[in-house]
Full PDB file with SEQRES, HELIX, SHEET, SSBOND, CRYST1, ORIGX, SCALE, CONECT and MASTER records, all heavy atoms in Angstrom:
SEQRES   1 A   32  ALA MET ALA ALA PHE LEU LYS ASN ILE MET ALA VAL ALA          
SEQRES   2 A   32  SER SER GLU HIS SER LEU CYS ASP CYS TYR ILE ASP SER          
SEQRES   3 A   32  SER LEU LEU PRO ARG ILE                                      
HELIX    1 AA1 MET A    2  PHE A    5  1                                   4    
CRYST1    1.000    1.000    1.000  90.00  90.00  90.00 P 1           1          
ORIGX1      1.000000  0.000000  0.000000        0.00000                         
ORIGX2      0.000000  1.000000  0.000000        0.00000                         
ORIGX3      0.000000  0.000000  1.000000        0.00000                         
SCALE1      1.000000  0.000000  0.000000        0.00000                         
SCALE2      0.000000  1.000000  0.000000        0.00000                         
SCALE3      0.000000  0.000000  1.000000        0.00000                         
ATOM      1  N   ALA A   1       0.837  -1.209   0.000  1.00  0.00           N  
ATOM      2  CA  ALA A   1       0.000   0.000   0.000  1.00  0.00           C  
ATOM      3  C   ALA A   1       0.871   1.257   0.000  1.00  0.00           C  
ATOM      4  O   ALA A   1       0.569   2.236  -0.693  1.00  0.00           O  
ATOM      5  CB  ALA A   1      -0.942   0.001   1.199  1.00  0.00           C  
ATOM      6  N   MET A   2       1.947   1.239   0.759  1.00  0.00           N  
ATOM      7  CA  MET A   2       2.860   2.391   0.768  1.00  0.00           C  
ATOM      8  C   MET A   2       3.417   2.630  -0.636  1.00  0.00           C  
ATOM      9  O   MET A   2       3.489   3.773  -1.097  1.00  0.00           O  
ATOM     10  CB  MET A   2       4.003   2.154   1.759  1.00  0.00           C  
ATOM     11  CG  MET A   2       3.561   2.223   3.212  1.00  0.00           C  
ATOM     12  SD  MET A   2       4.866   1.739   4.371  1.00  0.00           S  
ATOM     13  CE  MET A   2       6.024   3.088   4.161  1.00  0.00           C  
ATOM     14  N   ALA A   3       3.796   1.554  -1.324  1.00  0.00           N  
ATOM     15  CA  ALA A   3       4.335   1.696  -2.683  1.00  0.00           C  
ATOM     16  C   ALA A   3       3.299   2.266  -3.642  1.00  0.00           C  
ATOM     17  O   ALA A   3       3.635   3.027  -4.554  1.00  0.00           O  
ATOM     18  CB  ALA A   3       4.838   0.348  -3.186  1.00  0.00           C  
ATOM     19  N   ALA A   4       2.032   1.917  -3.430  1.00  0.00           N  
ATOM     20  CA  ALA A   4       0.973   2.400  -4.315  1.00  0.00           C  
ATOM     21  C   ALA A   4       0.654   3.872  -4.086  1.00  0.00           C  
ATOM     22  O   ALA A   4       0.235   4.566  -5.004  1.00  0.00           O  
ATOM     23  CB  ALA A   4      -0.289   1.561  -4.130  1.00  0.00           C  
ATOM     24  N   PHE A   5       0.875   4.361  -2.865  1.00  0.00           N  
ATOM     25  CA  PHE A   5       0.411   5.713  -2.530  1.00  0.00           C  
ATOM     26  C   PHE A   5       1.504   6.713  -2.186  1.00  0.00           C  
ATOM     27  O   PHE A   5       1.228   7.907  -2.093  1.00  0.00           O  
ATOM     28  CB  PHE A   5      -0.586   5.640  -1.367  1.00  0.00           C  
ATOM     29  CG  PHE A   5      -1.867   4.947  -1.736  1.00  0.00           C  
ATOM     30  CD1 PHE A   5      -2.078   3.624  -1.377  1.00  0.00           C  
ATOM     31  CD2 PHE A   5      -2.844   5.602  -2.463  1.00  0.00           C  
ATOM     32  CE1 PHE A   5      -3.256   2.972  -1.719  1.00  0.00           C  
ATOM     33  CE2 PHE A   5      -4.022   4.968  -2.812  1.00  0.00           C  
ATOM     34  CZ  PHE A   5      -4.222   3.645  -2.440  1.00  0.00           C  
ATOM     35  N   LEU A   6       2.732   6.246  -1.951  1.00  0.00           N  
ATOM     36  CA  LEU A   6       3.802   7.159  -1.553  1.00  0.00           C  
ATOM     37  C   LEU A   6       4.895   7.195  -2.614  1.00  0.00           C  
ATOM     38  O   LEU A   6       5.112   6.220  -3.331  1.00  0.00           O  
ATOM     39  CB  LEU A   6       4.387   6.728  -0.206  1.00  0.00           C  
ATOM     40  CG  LEU A   6       3.412   6.648   0.962  1.00  0.00           C  
ATOM     41  CD1 LEU A   6       4.105   6.111   2.207  1.00  0.00           C  
ATOM     42  CD2 LEU A   6       2.772   7.988   1.247  1.00  0.00           C  
ATOM     43  N   LYS A   7       5.617   8.295  -2.683  1.00  0.00           N  
ATOM     44  CA  LYS A   7       6.692   8.459  -3.670  1.00  0.00           C  
ATOM     45  C   LYS A   7       8.020   7.930  -3.125  1.00  0.00           C  
ATOM     46  O   LYS A   7       8.193   7.763  -1.931  1.00  0.00           O  
ATOM     47  CB  LYS A   7       6.836   9.924  -4.039  1.00  0.00           C  
ATOM     48  CG  LYS A   7       5.590  10.500  -4.697  1.00  0.00           C  
ATOM     49  CD  LYS A   7       5.970  11.570  -5.689  1.00  0.00           C  
ATOM     50  CE  LYS A   7       4.771  12.130  -6.410  1.00  0.00           C  
ATOM     51  NZ  LYS A   7       4.148  11.227  -7.315  1.00  0.00           N  
ATOM     52  N   ASN A   8       8.955   7.710  -4.037  1.00  0.00           N  
ATOM     53  CA  ASN A   8      10.339   7.309  -3.747  1.00  0.00           C  
ATOM     54  C   ASN A   8      10.488   5.879  -3.237  1.00  0.00           C  
ATOM     55  O   ASN A   8      11.581   5.487  -2.854  1.00  0.00           O  
ATOM     56  CB  ASN A   8      11.028   8.279  -2.787  1.00  0.00           C  
ATOM     57  CG  ASN A   8      11.173   9.658  -3.392  1.00  0.00           C  
ATOM     58  OD1 ASN A   8      11.308   9.795  -4.607  1.00  0.00           O  
ATOM     59  ND2 ASN A   8      11.133  10.671  -2.563  1.00  0.00           N  
ATOM     60  N   ILE A   9       9.426   5.098  -3.215  1.00  0.00           N  
ATOM     61  CA  ILE A   9       9.556   3.689  -2.861  1.00  0.00           C  
ATOM     62  C   ILE A   9       9.803   2.945  -4.169  1.00  0.00           C  
ATOM     63  O   ILE A   9       8.937   2.896  -5.032  1.00  0.00           O  
ATOM     64  CB  ILE A   9       8.311   3.176  -2.119  1.00  0.00           C  
ATOM     65  CG1 ILE A   9       8.192   3.929  -0.792  1.00  0.00           C  
ATOM     66  CG2 ILE A   9       8.405   1.661  -1.911  1.00  0.00           C  
ATOM     67  CD1 ILE A   9       6.949   3.670  -0.022  1.00  0.00           C  
ATOM     68  N   MET A  10      11.008   2.423  -4.299  1.00  0.00           N  
ATOM     69  CA  MET A  10      11.428   1.879  -5.578  1.00  0.00           C  
ATOM     70  C   MET A  10      11.531   0.355  -5.607  1.00  0.00           C  
ATOM     71  O   MET A  10      11.627  -0.227  -6.676  1.00  0.00           O  
ATOM     72  CB  MET A  10      12.780   2.482  -5.978  1.00  0.00           C  
ATOM     73  CG  MET A  10      12.763   4.003  -6.055  1.00  0.00           C  
ATOM     74  SD  MET A  10      11.394   4.712  -6.994  1.00  0.00           S  
ATOM     75  CE  MET A  10      11.824   4.236  -8.652  1.00  0.00           C  
ATOM     76  N   ALA A  11      11.521  -0.292  -4.462  1.00  0.00           N  
ATOM     77  CA  ALA A  11      11.626  -1.750  -4.428  1.00  0.00           C  
ATOM     78  C   ALA A  11      10.884  -2.275  -3.203  1.00  0.00           C  
ATOM     79  O   ALA A  11      11.082  -1.779  -2.102  1.00  0.00           O  
ATOM     80  CB  ALA A  11      13.088  -2.181  -4.375  1.00  0.00           C  
ATOM     81  N   VAL A  12      10.018  -3.272  -3.435  1.00  0.00           N  
ATOM     82  CA  VAL A  12       9.264  -3.879  -2.342  1.00  0.00           C  
ATOM     83  C   VAL A  12       9.381  -5.393  -2.444  1.00  0.00           C  
ATOM     84  O   VAL A  12       9.008  -5.980  -3.454  1.00  0.00           O  
ATOM     85  CB  VAL A  12       7.771  -3.478  -2.378  1.00  0.00           C  
ATOM     86  CG1 VAL A  12       6.998  -4.197  -1.278  1.00  0.00           C  
ATOM     87  CG2 VAL A  12       7.593  -1.984  -2.271  1.00  0.00           C  
ATOM     88  N   ALA A  13       9.923  -6.000  -1.408  1.00  0.00           N  
ATOM     89  CA  ALA A  13       9.932  -7.456  -1.286  1.00  0.00           C  
ATOM     90  C   ALA A  13       8.845  -7.804  -0.277  1.00  0.00           C  
ATOM     91  O   ALA A  13       8.874  -7.338   0.858  1.00  0.00           O  
ATOM     92  CB  ALA A  13      11.294  -7.960  -0.820  1.00  0.00           C  
ATOM     93  N   SER A  14       7.873  -8.593  -0.712  1.00  0.00           N  
ATOM     94  CA  SER A  14       6.753  -8.906   0.173  1.00  0.00           C  
ATOM     95  C   SER A  14       6.547 -10.410   0.229  1.00  0.00           C  
ATOM     96  O   SER A  14       6.698 -11.106  -0.768  1.00  0.00           O  
ATOM     97  CB  SER A  14       5.477  -8.206  -0.301  1.00  0.00           C  
ATOM     98  OG  SER A  14       5.052  -8.736  -1.544  1.00  0.00           O  
ATOM     99  N   SER A  15       6.194 -10.871   1.397  1.00  0.00           N  
ATOM    100  CA  SER A  15       6.024 -12.293   1.609  1.00  0.00           C  
ATOM    101  C   SER A  15       4.701 -12.562   2.306  1.00  0.00           C  
ATOM    102  O   SER A  15       4.357 -11.892   3.276  1.00  0.00           O  
ATOM    103  CB  SER A  15       7.195 -12.797   2.468  1.00  0.00           C  
ATOM    104  OG  SER A  15       7.140 -14.176   2.629  1.00  0.00           O  
ATOM    105  N   GLU A  16       3.957 -13.527   1.777  1.00  0.00           N  
ATOM    106  CA  GLU A  16       2.698 -13.991   2.370  1.00  0.00           C  
ATOM    107  C   GLU A  16       1.668 -12.894   2.526  1.00  0.00           C  
ATOM    108  O   GLU A  16       1.229 -12.571   3.613  1.00  0.00           O  
ATOM    109  CB  GLU A  16       2.948 -14.646   3.743  1.00  0.00           C  
ATOM    110  CG  GLU A  16       3.892 -15.788   3.719  1.00  0.00           C  
ATOM    111  CD  GLU A  16       5.319 -15.380   4.027  1.00  0.00           C  
ATOM    112  OE1 GLU A  16       5.557 -14.371   4.704  1.00  0.00           O  
ATOM    113  OE2 GLU A  16       6.215 -16.079   3.558  1.00  0.00           O  
ATOM    114  N   HIS A  17       1.227 -12.337   1.446  1.00  0.00           N  
ATOM    115  CA  HIS A  17       0.249 -11.250   1.479  1.00  0.00           C  
ATOM    116  C   HIS A  17      -1.012 -11.655   0.747  1.00  0.00           C  
ATOM    117  O   HIS A  17      -1.005 -12.594  -0.033  1.00  0.00           O  
ATOM    118  CB  HIS A  17       0.832 -10.007   0.796  1.00  0.00           C  
ATOM    119  CG  HIS A  17       1.402 -10.341  -0.543  1.00  0.00           C  
ATOM    120  ND1 HIS A  17       0.618 -10.574  -1.642  1.00  0.00           N  
ATOM    121  CD2 HIS A  17       2.672 -10.551  -0.915  1.00  0.00           C  
ATOM    122  CE1 HIS A  17       1.394 -10.892  -2.654  1.00  0.00           C  
ATOM    123  NE2 HIS A  17       2.640 -10.899  -2.242  1.00  0.00           N  
ATOM    124  N   SER A  18      -2.090 -10.913   0.966  1.00  0.00           N  
ATOM    125  CA  SER A  18      -3.321 -11.171   0.223  1.00  0.00           C  
ATOM    126  C   SER A  18      -3.636 -10.048  -0.754  1.00  0.00           C  
ATOM    127  O   SER A  18      -4.560 -10.161  -1.538  1.00  0.00           O  
ATOM    128  CB  SER A  18      -4.499 -11.360   1.176  1.00  0.00           C  
ATOM    129  OG  SER A  18      -4.831 -10.130   1.778  1.00  0.00           O  
ATOM    130  N   LEU A  19      -2.898  -8.947  -0.703  1.00  0.00           N  
ATOM    131  CA  LEU A  19      -3.065  -7.804  -1.605  1.00  0.00           C  
ATOM    132  C   LEU A  19      -4.379  -7.063  -1.424  1.00  0.00           C  
ATOM    133  O   LEU A  19      -4.853  -6.398  -2.326  1.00  0.00           O  
ATOM    134  CB  LEU A  19      -2.920  -8.227  -3.071  1.00  0.00           C  
ATOM    135  CG  LEU A  19      -1.521  -8.727  -3.409  1.00  0.00           C  
ATOM    136  CD1 LEU A  19      -1.518  -9.386  -4.757  1.00  0.00           C  
ATOM    137  CD2 LEU A  19      -0.540  -7.591  -3.368  1.00  0.00           C  
ATOM    138  N   CYS A  20      -4.973  -7.158  -0.251  1.00  0.00           N  
ATOM    139  CA  CYS A  20      -6.163  -6.363   0.002  1.00  0.00           C  
ATOM    140  C   CYS A  20      -5.871  -5.392   1.131  1.00  0.00           C  
ATOM    141  O   CYS A  20      -5.017  -5.639   1.967  1.00  0.00           O  
ATOM    142  CB  CYS A  20      -7.363  -7.233   0.346  1.00  0.00           C  
ATOM    143  SG  CYS A  20      -7.228  -8.115   1.896  1.00  0.00           S  
ATOM    144  N   ASP A  21      -6.581  -4.270   1.116  1.00  0.00           N  
ATOM    145  CA  ASP A  21      -6.335  -3.253   2.138  1.00  0.00           C  
ATOM    146  C   ASP A  21      -7.404  -3.273   3.226  1.00  0.00           C  
ATOM    147  O   ASP A  21      -7.537  -2.329   3.973  1.00  0.00           O  
ATOM    148  CB  ASP A  21      -6.252  -1.863   1.508  1.00  0.00           C  
ATOM    149  CG  ASP A  21      -7.566  -1.406   0.888  1.00  0.00           C  
ATOM    150  OD1 ASP A  21      -8.590  -2.091   1.055  1.00  0.00           O  
ATOM    151  OD2 ASP A  21      -7.564  -0.368   0.244  1.00  0.00           O  
ATOM    152  N   CYS A  22      -8.137  -4.377   3.337  1.00  0.00           N  
ATOM    153  CA  CYS A  22      -9.289  -4.372   4.225  1.00  0.00           C  
ATOM    154  C   CYS A  22      -8.945  -4.190   5.690  1.00  0.00           C  
ATOM    155  O   CYS A  22      -9.764  -3.696   6.445  1.00  0.00           O  
ATOM    156  CB  CYS A  22     -10.106  -5.645   4.041  1.00  0.00           C  
ATOM    157  SG  CYS A  22      -9.190  -7.145   4.348  1.00  0.00           S  
ATOM    158  N   TYR A  23      -7.749  -4.557   6.108  1.00  0.00           N  
ATOM    159  CA  TYR A  23      -7.411  -4.437   7.522  1.00  0.00           C  
ATOM    160  C   TYR A  23      -6.374  -3.367   7.792  1.00  0.00           C  
ATOM    161  O   TYR A  23      -5.884  -3.255   8.889  1.00  0.00           O  
ATOM    162  CB  TYR A  23      -6.909  -5.776   8.069  1.00  0.00           C  
ATOM    163  CG  TYR A  23      -7.900  -6.869   7.870  1.00  0.00           C  
ATOM    164  CD1 TYR A  23      -7.594  -7.963   7.092  1.00  0.00           C  
ATOM    165  CD2 TYR A  23      -9.161  -6.795   8.425  1.00  0.00           C  
ATOM    166  CE1 TYR A  23      -8.514  -8.966   6.889  1.00  0.00           C  
ATOM    167  CE2 TYR A  23     -10.084  -7.793   8.225  1.00  0.00           C  
ATOM    168  CZ  TYR A  23      -9.754  -8.877   7.459  1.00  0.00           C  
ATOM    169  OH  TYR A  23     -10.657  -9.864   7.255  1.00  0.00           O  
ATOM    170  N   ILE A  24      -5.989  -2.612   6.778  1.00  0.00           N  
ATOM    171  CA  ILE A  24      -4.997  -1.566   6.985  1.00  0.00           C  
ATOM    172  C   ILE A  24      -5.687  -0.366   7.608  1.00  0.00           C  
ATOM    173  O   ILE A  24      -6.681   0.127   7.097  1.00  0.00           O  
ATOM    174  CB  ILE A  24      -4.314  -1.176   5.662  1.00  0.00           C  
ATOM    175  CG1 ILE A  24      -3.509  -2.361   5.136  1.00  0.00           C  
ATOM    176  CG2 ILE A  24      -3.413   0.037   5.849  1.00  0.00           C  
ATOM    177  CD1 ILE A  24      -2.914  -2.138   3.779  1.00  0.00           C  
ATOM    178  N   ASP A  25      -5.183   0.085   8.708  1.00  0.00           N  
ATOM    179  CA  ASP A  25      -5.730   1.246   9.392  1.00  0.00           C  
ATOM    180  C   ASP A  25      -5.435   2.491   8.556  1.00  0.00           C  
ATOM    181  O   ASP A  25      -4.275   2.800   8.286  1.00  0.00           O  
ATOM    182  CB  ASP A  25      -5.085   1.358  10.773  1.00  0.00           C  
ATOM    183  CG  ASP A  25      -5.623   2.505  11.603  1.00  0.00           C  
ATOM    184  OD1 ASP A  25      -6.304   3.391  11.049  1.00  0.00           O  
ATOM    185  OD2 ASP A  25      -5.347   2.510  12.806  1.00  0.00           O  
ATOM    186  N   SER A  26      -6.458   3.197   8.128  1.00  0.00           N  
ATOM    187  CA  SER A  26      -6.253   4.340   7.238  1.00  0.00           C  
ATOM    188  C   SER A  26      -5.490   5.476   7.912  1.00  0.00           C  
ATOM    189  O   SER A  26      -5.017   6.381   7.242  1.00  0.00           O  
ATOM    190  CB  SER A  26      -7.592   4.844   6.697  1.00  0.00           C  
ATOM    191  OG  SER A  26      -8.434   5.215   7.754  1.00  0.00           O  
ATOM    192  N   SER A  27      -5.327   5.448   9.229  1.00  0.00           N  
ATOM    193  CA  SER A  27      -4.510   6.475   9.867  1.00  0.00           C  
ATOM    194  C   SER A  27      -3.024   6.263   9.551  1.00  0.00           C  
ATOM    195  O   SER A  27      -2.225   7.190   9.626  1.00  0.00           O  
ATOM    196  CB  SER A  27      -4.720   6.479  11.386  1.00  0.00           C  
ATOM    197  OG  SER A  27      -4.242   5.276  11.951  1.00  0.00           O  
ATOM    198  N   LEU A  28      -2.654   5.029   9.174  1.00  0.00           N  
ATOM    199  CA  LEU A  28      -1.269   4.755   8.785  1.00  0.00           C  
ATOM    200  C   LEU A  28      -0.946   5.405   7.445  1.00  0.00           C  
ATOM    201  O   LEU A  28       0.117   5.971   7.249  1.00  0.00           O  
ATOM    202  CB  LEU A  28      -1.024   3.246   8.675  1.00  0.00           C  
ATOM    203  CG  LEU A  28      -1.161   2.437   9.958  1.00  0.00           C  
ATOM    204  CD1 LEU A  28      -1.038   0.953   9.655  1.00  0.00           C  
ATOM    205  CD2 LEU A  28      -0.094   2.858  10.954  1.00  0.00           C  
ATOM    206  N   LEU A  29      -1.859   5.280   6.523  1.00  0.00           N  
ATOM    207  CA  LEU A  29      -1.699   5.857   5.191  1.00  0.00           C  
ATOM    208  C   LEU A  29      -2.996   6.590   4.866  1.00  0.00           C  
ATOM    209  O   LEU A  29      -3.944   5.987   4.386  1.00  0.00           O  
ATOM    210  CB  LEU A  29      -1.440   4.756   4.151  1.00  0.00           C  
ATOM    211  CG  LEU A  29      -0.153   3.975   4.341  1.00  0.00           C  
ATOM    212  CD1 LEU A  29      -0.140   2.740   3.470  1.00  0.00           C  
ATOM    213  CD2 LEU A  29       1.044   4.849   4.026  1.00  0.00           C  
ATOM    214  N   PRO A  30      -3.067   7.889   5.107  1.00  0.00           N  
ATOM    215  CA  PRO A  30      -4.330   8.607   5.015  1.00  0.00           C  
ATOM    216  C   PRO A  30      -5.017   8.532   3.653  1.00  0.00           C  
ATOM    217  O   PRO A  30      -6.219   8.696   3.569  1.00  0.00           O  
ATOM    218  CB  PRO A  30      -3.934  10.055   5.333  1.00  0.00           C  
ATOM    219  CG  PRO A  30      -2.636   9.964   6.041  1.00  0.00           C  
ATOM    220  CD  PRO A  30      -1.972   8.722   5.563  1.00  0.00           C  
ATOM    221  N   ARG A  31      -4.263   8.256   2.585  1.00  0.00           N  
ATOM    222  CA  ARG A  31      -4.890   8.228   1.262  1.00  0.00           C  
ATOM    223  C   ARG A  31      -5.620   6.927   0.973  1.00  0.00           C  
ATOM    224  O   ARG A  31      -6.289   6.804  -0.028  1.00  0.00           O  
ATOM    225  CB  ARG A  31      -3.827   8.462   0.190  1.00  0.00           C  
ATOM    226  CG  ARG A  31      -3.329   9.889   0.215  1.00  0.00           C  
ATOM    227  CD  ARG A  31      -2.342  10.102  -0.877  1.00  0.00           C  
ATOM    228  NE  ARG A  31      -1.127  10.594  -0.256  1.00  0.00           N  
ATOM    229  CZ  ARG A  31       0.037  10.683  -0.843  1.00  0.00           C  
ATOM    230  NH1 ARG A  31       0.176  10.299  -2.073  1.00  0.00           N  
ATOM    231  NH2 ARG A  31       1.082  11.142  -0.206  1.00  0.00           N  
ATOM    232  N   ILE A  32      -5.469   5.939   1.831  1.00  0.00           N  
ATOM    233  CA  ILE A  32      -6.142   4.661   1.598  1.00  0.00           C  
ATOM    234  C   ILE A  32      -7.571   4.741   2.113  1.00  0.00           C  
ATOM    235  O   ILE A  32      -7.822   5.176   3.221  1.00  0.00           O  
ATOM    236  CB  ILE A  32      -5.408   3.510   2.314  1.00  0.00           C  
ATOM    237  CG1 ILE A  32      -4.063   3.281   1.647  1.00  0.00           C  
ATOM    238  CG2 ILE A  32      -6.231   2.239   2.292  1.00  0.00           C  
ATOM    239  CD1 ILE A  32      -3.282   2.166   2.296  1.00  0.00           C  
TER     240      ILE A  32                                                      
MASTER        0    0    0    1    0    0    0    6  239    1    0    3          
END                                                                             
């Protein structure tokens, strides 16, 4: 989510994800 909404993030290694934002607290990333 940070890579989708924030600048200068150029590489993301992610493990065991579902790719949904349903449980991400929007206070962490206000644009979500």
